[in-house]
């Protein structure tokens, strides 16, 4: 056996990464611990199913028990029940098809072809989902190994039932952890990241010596935050599914918290589109020197508008329910700041046309951001 130092660098790096995930999974709650727990439950359920099937059933069908346990142990209880039901239906259809053909016309090459054609056609039924291919697989076993005999099919059904019971029992004994609070915290972290960078954007616009590198970094940050929002959205969807049929309790109000978190992510995602556009316009204005020609009064008013919008983002992204009256007051101030910025843009009639265009572009994006925040306020707090 080779020594550790003799292993290739890629192998050592992979081993260290796996060891790190295991250590983090043991020490901290989260997705890495969920993977460890699911793996442990799968090993125990598959081993138990195989041992029971070997003890009570012929060895020819014993393999179906641990395989069914694998099917029955998905990341969520709901998905496990759905996959298990789909597999049982597919298995029943495949076994019944094989038994019917064997009893009606016998075991022949051409009947095997008919079985394959029928199984593939039935396996495409949408309700069977990913388990559609099992119609053909189980049909092949029942037709070839079992010769279509009823006793073999009965043992096959029993093996599948054993595997399903072992898998689902493992989920009931140790159900998947609930992560509603973690999803809320992820949304809050997303909003905090957006809020801080909107304030940076405001400082950059107001500064007499705006830094182009700073704006470029902001553009990279917006793209990263948008990708984070996508990941958070998928995580919320997964947690919503995790709550179905899960015997574990979650935090109070989890049924309302997850849809609200999803709506908040949607608001953040659309808001990011607008601040990305503002950063893009600012970047171009710095490149061609147009920003230096923009009146300082407009830049100050526009920066104040962005800072007030950042305050609104802070309230929308909180893990606790937003106080509608306070958020409404902040959004009213945002609208007032927007009107003030518009007036400042109109107070320089002798400005260069390019400056008017830049101011109009910045105001359009800011107006859309304010409208998005108000829309989010109505969606998240319908009674406001």
Protein backbone atom coordinates (compact mmCIF):
# COMPACT_ATOMS: atom_id res chain seq x y z
CA UNK A 1 0.00 0.00 0.00
CA UNK A 2 1.52 3.36 -1.02
CA UNK A 3 2.46 5.93 1.63
CA UNK A 4 0.47 9.16 1.92
CA UNK A 5 3.33 11.24 0.45
CA UNK A 6 3.52 8.88 -2.54
CA UNK A 7 -0.08 9.50 -3.61
CA UNK A 8 -0.70 11.98 -6.48
CA UNK A 9 -1.44 15.53 -5.44
CA UNK A 10 -4.99 15.42 -6.84
CA UNK A 11 -5.77 12.29 -4.79
CA UNK A 12 -4.43 13.87 -1.59
CA UNK A 13 -6.44 17.05 -2.27
CA UNK A 14 -9.61 15.03 -2.82
CA UNK A 15 -9.05 13.05 0.37
CA UNK A 16 -8.50 16.25 2.36
CA UNK A 17 -11.66 17.79 0.87
CA UNK A 18 -13.74 14.73 1.76
CA UNK A 19 -12.25 14.64 5.27
CA UNK A 20 -13.05 18.34 5.68
CA UNK A 21 -16.67 17.81 4.65
CA UNK A 22 -17.03 14.92 7.06
CA UNK A 23 -15.52 16.96 9.89
CA UNK A 24 -17.80 19.93 9.17
CA UNK A 25 -20.79 17.62 8.92
CA UNK A 26 -20.03 16.12 12.31
CA UNK A 27 -19.39 19.45 14.02
CA UNK A 28 -21.98 21.74 12.41
CA UNK A 29 -25.58 21.59 11.24
CA UNK A 30 -26.29 22.11 7.57
CA UNK A 31 -26.29 20.40 4.21
CA UNK A 32 -23.05 18.52 4.86
CA UNK A 33 -24.47 16.93 8.01
CA UNK A 34 -27.67 16.09 6.09
CA UNK A 35 -25.59 14.22 3.51
CA UNK A 36 -23.77 12.27 6.24
CA UNK A 37 -27.00 11.34 8.01
CA UNK A 38 -28.68 10.31 4.75
CA UNK A 39 -25.67 8.16 3.85
CA UNK A 40 -25.69 6.46 7.27
CA UNK A 41 -29.44 5.81 7.08
CA UNK A 42 -29.06 4.40 3.57
CA UNK A 43 -26.33 1.97 4.63
CA UNK A 44 -28.36 0.73 7.61
CA UNK A 45 -31.62 0.47 5.62
CA UNK A 46 -29.99 -1.35 2.68
CA UNK A 47 -28.15 -3.74 5.00
CA UNK A 48 -31.31 -4.49 6.98
CA UNK A 49 -33.37 -5.01 3.82
CA UNK A 50 -30.78 -7.38 2.35
CA UNK A 51 -30.53 -9.41 5.54
CA UNK A 52 -34.31 -9.77 5.87
CA UNK A 53 -34.73 -10.68 2.21
CA UNK A 54 -31.93 -13.25 2.40
CA UNK A 55 -33.50 -14.80 5.47
CA UNK A 56 -37.09 -15.02 4.29
CA UNK A 57 -36.91 -15.09 0.48
CA UNK A 58 -35.00 -16.89 -2.29
CA UNK A 59 -31.59 -15.41 -3.08
CA UNK A 60 -32.69 -14.73 -6.67
CA UNK A 61 -34.88 -11.84 -5.52
CA UNK A 62 -32.93 -10.68 -2.43
CA UNK A 63 -31.12 -7.92 -4.35
CA UNK A 64 -34.36 -6.09 -5.01
CA UNK A 65 -34.79 -5.33 -1.29
CA UNK A 66 -31.65 -3.16 -0.78
CA UNK A 67 -32.19 -1.58 -4.20
CA UNK A 68 -35.70 -0.53 -3.18
CA UNK A 69 -34.30 0.82 0.10
CA UNK A 70 -32.01 3.07 -1.95
CA UNK A 71 -35.00 4.29 -3.97
CA UNK A 72 -36.99 4.90 -0.78
CA UNK A 73 -34.29 7.00 0.86
CA UNK A 74 -34.26 10.37 -0.89
CA UNK A 75 -33.31 13.74 0.57
CA UNK A 76 -36.88 14.47 1.73
CA UNK A 77 -39.67 12.30 3.11
CA UNK A 78 -42.06 13.55 0.41
CA UNK A 79 -39.66 12.65 -2.38
CA UNK A 80 -38.99 9.27 -0.77
CA UNK A 81 -42.70 8.43 -0.63
CA UNK A 82 -43.21 9.63 -4.21
CA UNK A 83 -40.26 7.67 -5.63
CA UNK A 84 -41.23 4.60 -3.63
CA UNK A 85 -44.82 4.73 -4.89
CA UNK A 86 -43.63 5.22 -8.47
CA UNK A 87 -41.23 2.29 -8.14
CA UNK A 88 -43.90 -0.01 -6.69
CA UNK A 89 -46.25 0.86 -9.54
CA UNK A 90 -43.51 0.36 -12.14
CA UNK A 91 -42.55 -2.96 -10.55
CA UNK A 92 -46.16 -4.13 -10.52
CA UNK A 93 -46.68 -3.18 -14.15
CA UNK A 94 -43.44 -4.86 -15.28
CA UNK A 95 -44.10 -8.07 -13.32
CA UNK A 96 -47.72 -8.26 -14.48
CA UNK A 97 -46.68 -7.71 -18.10
CA UNK A 98 -44.05 -10.45 -17.92
CA UNK A 99 -46.43 -12.92 -16.23
CA UNK A 100 -49.18 -12.21 -18.74
CA UNK A 101 -46.95 -12.75 -21.78
CA UNK A 102 -45.36 -15.90 -20.34
CA UNK A 103 -48.74 -17.39 -19.50
CA UNK A 104 -50.38 -16.44 -22.78
CA UNK A 105 -47.73 -17.24 -25.43
CA UNK A 106 -44.76 -18.73 -23.56
CA UNK A 107 -41.06 -17.87 -23.27
CA UNK A 108 -39.67 -17.08 -26.73
CA UNK A 109 -37.34 -14.62 -28.35
CA UNK A 110 -40.14 -12.77 -30.11
CA UNK A 111 -42.20 -12.56 -26.92
CA UNK A 112 -39.20 -11.01 -25.17
CA UNK A 113 -39.17 -8.41 -27.93
CA UNK A 114 -42.87 -7.74 -27.39
CA UNK A 115 -42.22 -7.45 -23.66
CA UNK A 116 -39.41 -4.93 -24.27
CA UNK A 117 -41.52 -2.83 -26.62
CA UNK A 118 -44.52 -2.77 -24.27
CA UNK A 119 -42.37 -2.08 -21.19
CA UNK A 120 -40.60 0.84 -22.87
CA UNK A 121 -43.92 2.30 -23.96
CA UNK A 122 -45.50 1.95 -20.51
CA UNK A 123 -42.34 3.28 -18.85
CA UNK A 124 -42.78 6.61 -20.63
CA UNK A 125 -45.94 7.36 -18.67
CA UNK A 126 -45.22 10.68 -17.00
CA UNK A 127 -46.64 9.71 -13.61
CA UNK A 128 -43.92 7.08 -13.21
CA UNK A 129 -41.26 9.81 -13.33
CA UNK A 130 -37.67 8.61 -13.00
CA UNK A 131 -38.85 5.08 -12.17
CA UNK A 132 -40.31 4.48 -15.62
CA UNK A 133 -37.28 2.40 -16.69
CA UNK A 134 -38.04 -0.03 -13.86
CA UNK A 135 -41.00 -1.37 -15.83
CA UNK A 136 -38.59 -2.92 -18.33
CA UNK A 137 -35.98 -3.92 -15.74
CA UNK A 138 -38.42 -5.75 -13.47
CA UNK A 139 -40.14 -7.22 -16.50
CA UNK A 140 -36.84 -8.66 -17.74
CA UNK A 141 -36.10 -10.27 -14.38
CA UNK A 142 -39.60 -11.70 -14.04
CA UNK A 143 -39.57 -13.00 -17.63
CA UNK A 144 -36.01 -14.38 -17.79
CA UNK A 145 -35.10 -15.41 -14.25
CA UNK A 146 -38.62 -16.14 -13.04
CA UNK A 147 -39.96 -17.54 -16.32
CA UNK A 148 -43.13 -15.57 -15.59
CA UNK A 149 -44.02 -17.83 -12.65
CA UNK A 150 -46.43 -16.44 -10.07
CA UNK A 151 -44.37 -17.70 -7.13
CA UNK A 152 -41.27 -15.83 -8.37
CA UNK A 153 -43.29 -12.66 -8.88
CA UNK A 154 -44.74 -13.02 -5.39
CA UNK A 155 -41.26 -13.29 -3.90
CA UNK A 156 -40.17 -10.33 -6.01
CA UNK A 157 -43.04 -8.23 -4.67
CA UNK A 158 -42.21 -9.28 -1.12
CA UNK A 159 -38.56 -8.28 -1.59
CA UNK A 160 -39.55 -4.87 -2.90
CA UNK A 161 -41.97 -4.33 -0.02
CA UNK A 162 -39.24 -5.23 2.49
CA UNK A 163 -36.88 -2.69 0.92
CA UNK A 164 -39.55 0.01 0.86
CA UNK A 165 -40.46 -0.57 4.51
CA UNK A 166 -36.79 -0.49 5.59
CA UNK A 167 -36.15 2.75 3.70
CA UNK A 168 -39.25 4.56 4.90
CA UNK A 169 -38.75 3.33 8.46
CA UNK A 170 -35.26 4.86 8.47
CA UNK A 171 -36.80 8.19 7.47
CA UNK A 172 -39.45 7.97 10.17
CA UNK A 173 -36.96 7.02 12.89
CA UNK A 174 -34.61 9.87 11.93
CA UNK A 175 -36.42 12.30 9.67
CA UNK A 176 -34.47 14.91 7.68
CA UNK A 177 -33.62 18.05 9.63
CA UNK A 178 -35.67 21.20 9.04
CA UNK A 179 -33.80 24.34 7.93
CA UNK A 180 -36.44 27.07 7.78
CA UNK A 181 -34.43 29.36 10.03
CA UNK A 182 -31.28 28.81 7.96
CA UNK A 183 -33.14 29.78 4.79
CA UNK A 184 -34.43 32.96 6.44
CA UNK A 185 -30.91 33.82 7.57
CA UNK A 186 -29.58 33.23 4.05
CA UNK A 187 -32.15 35.71 2.69
CA UNK A 188 -31.18 38.22 5.37
CA UNK A 189 -27.48 37.82 4.49
CA UNK A 190 -28.33 38.36 0.81
CA UNK A 191 -30.15 41.60 1.59
CA UNK A 192 -27.35 42.76 3.87
CA UNK A 193 -24.86 42.21 1.05
CA UNK A 194 -27.02 44.19 -1.37
CA UNK A 195 -27.62 46.96 1.16
CA UNK A 196 -23.92 47.47 1.90
CA UNK A 197 -23.03 47.63 -1.77
CA UNK A 198 -25.84 50.04 -2.58
CA UNK A 199 -24.36 52.35 0.05
CA UNK A 200 -20.93 51.92 -1.56
CA UNK A 201 -22.51 52.79 -4.91
CA UNK A 202 -24.04 55.92 -3.34
CA UNK A 203 -20.66 56.97 -1.91
CA UNK A 204 -19.01 56.43 -5.30
CA UNK A 205 -21.57 58.56 -7.15
CA UNK A 206 -21.30 61.37 -4.60
CA UNK A 207 -17.49 61.34 -4.49
CA UNK A 208 -15.64 64.02 -6.43
CA UNK A 209 -12.99 61.44 -7.38
CA UNK A 210 -15.03 58.35 -8.22
CA UNK A 211 -12.95 55.18 -8.48
CA UNK A 212 -13.53 53.18 -11.68
CA UNK A 213 -11.99 50.06 -10.10
CA UNK A 214 -14.48 50.32 -7.27
CA UNK A 215 -17.37 50.43 -9.71
CA UNK A 216 -15.97 47.47 -11.63
CA UNK A 217 -15.77 45.51 -8.38
CA UNK A 218 -19.38 46.38 -7.67
CA UNK A 219 -20.40 44.98 -11.04
CA UNK A 220 -18.68 41.70 -10.17
CA UNK A 221 -20.38 41.74 -6.76
CA UNK A 222 -23.83 42.19 -8.31
CA UNK A 223 -23.30 39.13 -10.51
CA UNK A 224 -22.14 37.07 -7.54
CA UNK A 225 -25.10 38.17 -5.43
CA UNK A 226 -27.46 37.31 -8.27
CA UNK A 227 -25.97 33.79 -8.38
CA UNK A 228 -26.34 33.60 -4.59
CA UNK A 229 -30.01 34.54 -4.96
CA UNK A 230 -30.52 31.68 -7.41
CA UNK A 231 -28.93 29.21 -4.99
CA UNK A 232 -31.04 30.51 -2.11
CA UNK A 233 -34.18 30.18 -4.21
CA UNK A 234 -33.38 26.53 -4.96
CA UNK A 235 -32.62 25.93 -1.26
CA UNK A 236 -35.99 27.40 -0.26
CA UNK A 237 -37.75 25.19 -2.81
CA UNK A 238 -35.95 22.16 -1.37
CA UNK A 239 -36.89 23.14 2.18
CA UNK A 240 -40.52 23.64 1.17
CA UNK A 241 -40.54 20.08 -0.14
CA UNK A 242 -38.69 18.92 2.98
CA UNK A 243 -41.59 20.16 5.10
CA UNK A 244 -44.12 17.90 3.36
CA UNK A 245 -44.86 14.70 5.32
CA UNK A 246 -41.87 15.44 7.58
CA UNK A 247 -42.66 14.44 11.18
CA UNK A 248 -40.07 16.87 12.54
CA UNK A 249 -41.33 20.21 13.76
CA UNK A 250 -39.95 23.45 12.44
CA UNK A 251 -40.07 26.99 13.79
CA UNK A 252 -43.43 28.60 14.48
CA UNK A 253 -44.95 30.02 11.32
CA UNK A 254 -42.76 27.96 8.97
CA UNK A 255 -45.66 27.55 6.54
CA UNK A 256 -45.71 31.32 6.01
CA UNK A 257 -41.97 31.95 6.46
CA UNK A 258 -40.78 29.99 3.43
CA UNK A 259 -43.19 31.55 0.86
CA UNK A 260 -42.29 34.96 2.25
CA UNK A 261 -38.58 34.17 1.96
CA UNK A 262 -39.15 33.12 -1.64
CA UNK A 263 -40.95 36.38 -2.41
CA UNK A 264 -38.14 38.34 -0.72
CA UNK A 265 -35.55 36.60 -2.91
CA UNK A 266 -37.59 37.49 -6.00
CA UNK A 267 -37.67 41.15 -4.92
CA UNK A 268 -33.92 41.10 -4.29
CA UNK A 269 -33.25 39.49 -7.67
CA UNK A 270 -35.24 42.12 -9.55
CA UNK A 271 -33.70 44.89 -7.47
CA UNK A 272 -30.25 43.59 -8.38
CA UNK A 273 -31.12 43.96 -12.05
CA UNK A 274 -31.71 47.68 -11.52
CA UNK A 275 -28.60 48.41 -9.42
CA UNK A 276 -26.51 46.45 -11.94
CA UNK A 277 -27.85 48.77 -14.62
CA UNK A 278 -26.98 51.81 -12.48
CA UNK A 279 -23.44 50.50 -12.02
CA UNK A 280 -23.10 49.84 -15.72
CA UNK A 281 -24.17 53.40 -16.58
CA UNK A 282 -21.80 54.78 -13.96
CA UNK A 283 -18.93 52.69 -15.31
CA UNK A 284 -19.46 54.01 -18.84
CA UNK A 285 -19.77 57.58 -17.53
CA UNK A 286 -16.44 57.25 -15.76
CA UNK A 287 -14.78 55.88 -18.86
CA UNK A 288 -15.83 58.77 -21.08
CA UNK A 289 -15.61 61.49 -18.42
CA UNK A 290 -19.33 62.33 -18.40
CA UNK A 291 -19.67 61.85 -14.64
CA UNK A 292 -17.36 64.83 -13.95
CA UNK A 293 -19.82 67.06 -15.82
CA UNK A 294 -22.81 65.97 -13.73
CA UNK A 295 -23.73 68.71 -11.20
CA UNK A 296 -22.72 67.95 -7.63
CA UNK A 297 -26.24 68.78 -6.42
CA UNK A 298 -27.70 65.98 -8.56
CA UNK A 299 -25.06 63.52 -7.45
CA UNK A 300 -25.72 64.33 -3.80
CA UNK A 301 -29.49 63.97 -4.25
CA UNK A 302 -29.07 60.72 -6.15
CA UNK A 303 -26.75 59.32 -3.47
CA UNK A 304 -29.33 60.19 -0.79
CA UNK A 305 -31.95 58.34 -2.85
CA UNK A 306 -29.79 55.21 -3.00
CA UNK A 307 -29.04 55.33 0.73
CA UNK A 308 -32.75 55.54 1.56
CA UNK A 309 -33.40 52.61 -0.78
CA UNK A 310 -30.67 50.71 1.08
CA UNK A 311 -32.54 51.38 4.33
CA UNK A 312 -35.67 49.89 2.78
CA UNK A 313 -33.71 46.82 1.71
CA UNK A 314 -32.50 46.37 5.29
CA UNK A 315 -36.08 46.21 6.57
CA UNK A 316 -37.38 43.94 3.80
CA UNK A 317 -34.59 41.41 4.32
CA UNK A 318 -35.02 40.89 8.07
CA UNK A 319 -35.65 37.37 9.35
CA UNK A 320 -38.55 38.65 11.46
CA UNK A 321 -41.67 39.99 9.81
CA UNK A 322 -41.28 43.54 8.51
CA UNK A 323 -43.09 46.30 10.40
CA UNK A 324 -45.35 47.61 7.61
CA UNK A 325 -45.78 51.16 8.93
CA UNK A 326 -42.04 51.77 9.36
CA UNK A 327 -41.20 50.34 5.94
CA UNK A 328 -43.97 52.42 4.41
CA UNK A 329 -42.43 55.58 5.90
CA UNK A 330 -39.00 54.66 4.52
CA UNK A 331 -40.47 54.06 1.06
CA UNK A 332 -42.26 57.42 1.23
CA UNK A 333 -38.89 59.04 1.95
CA UNK A 334 -37.42 57.14 -1.00
CA UNK A 335 -40.12 58.56 -3.28
CA UNK A 336 -39.44 62.05 -1.94
CA UNK A 337 -35.70 61.62 -2.55
CA UNK A 338 -36.45 60.47 -6.09
CA UNK A 339 -38.59 63.56 -6.75
CA UNK A 340 -35.80 65.75 -5.36
CA UNK A 341 -33.23 64.12 -7.65
CA UNK A 342 -35.53 64.71 -10.63
CA UNK A 343 -35.80 68.41 -9.76
CA UNK A 344 -32.03 68.70 -9.46
CA UNK A 345 -31.68 67.16 -12.91
CA UNK A 346 -34.03 69.80 -14.34
CA UNK A 347 -32.30 72.70 -12.57
CA UNK A 348 -29.32 72.67 -14.96
CA UNK A 349 -30.81 73.70 -18.33
CA UNK A 350 -27.42 74.56 -19.80
CA UNK A 351 -25.95 71.12 -19.14
CA UNK A 352 -24.49 69.10 -22.00
CA UNK A 353 -27.02 66.76 -23.72
CA UNK A 354 -24.90 63.75 -22.74
CA UNK A 355 -25.25 64.77 -19.09
CA UNK A 356 -29.03 64.99 -19.45
CA UNK A 357 -29.02 61.52 -21.00
CA UNK A 358 -26.90 60.10 -18.18
CA UNK A 359 -29.08 61.68 -15.51
CA UNK A 360 -32.21 60.38 -17.22
CA UNK A 361 -30.77 56.87 -17.40
CA UNK A 362 -29.77 56.88 -13.74
CA UNK A 363 -33.19 58.21 -12.72
CA UNK A 364 -35.00 55.59 -14.80
CA UNK A 365 -33.12 52.75 -13.09
CA UNK A 366 -33.62 54.31 -9.66
CA UNK A 367 -37.33 54.78 -10.34
CA UNK A 368 -37.62 51.11 -11.28
CA UNK A 369 -35.78 50.15 -8.09
CA UNK A 370 -38.17 52.25 -5.97
CA UNK A 371 -41.18 50.76 -7.77
CA UNK A 372 -39.80 47.26 -7.16
CA UNK A 373 -39.36 47.95 -3.46
CA UNK A 374 -42.95 49.19 -3.23
CA UNK A 375 -44.20 46.14 -5.10
CA UNK A 376 -42.26 43.94 -2.73
CA UNK A 377 -43.78 45.77 0.24
CA UNK A 378 -47.29 45.07 -1.09
CA UNK A 379 -46.52 41.40 -1.74
CA UNK A 380 -44.75 40.73 1.56
CA UNK A 381 -47.20 42.77 3.65
CA UNK A 382 -50.60 42.64 1.86
CA UNK A 383 -52.37 44.40 4.75
CA UNK A 384 -50.03 47.39 4.67
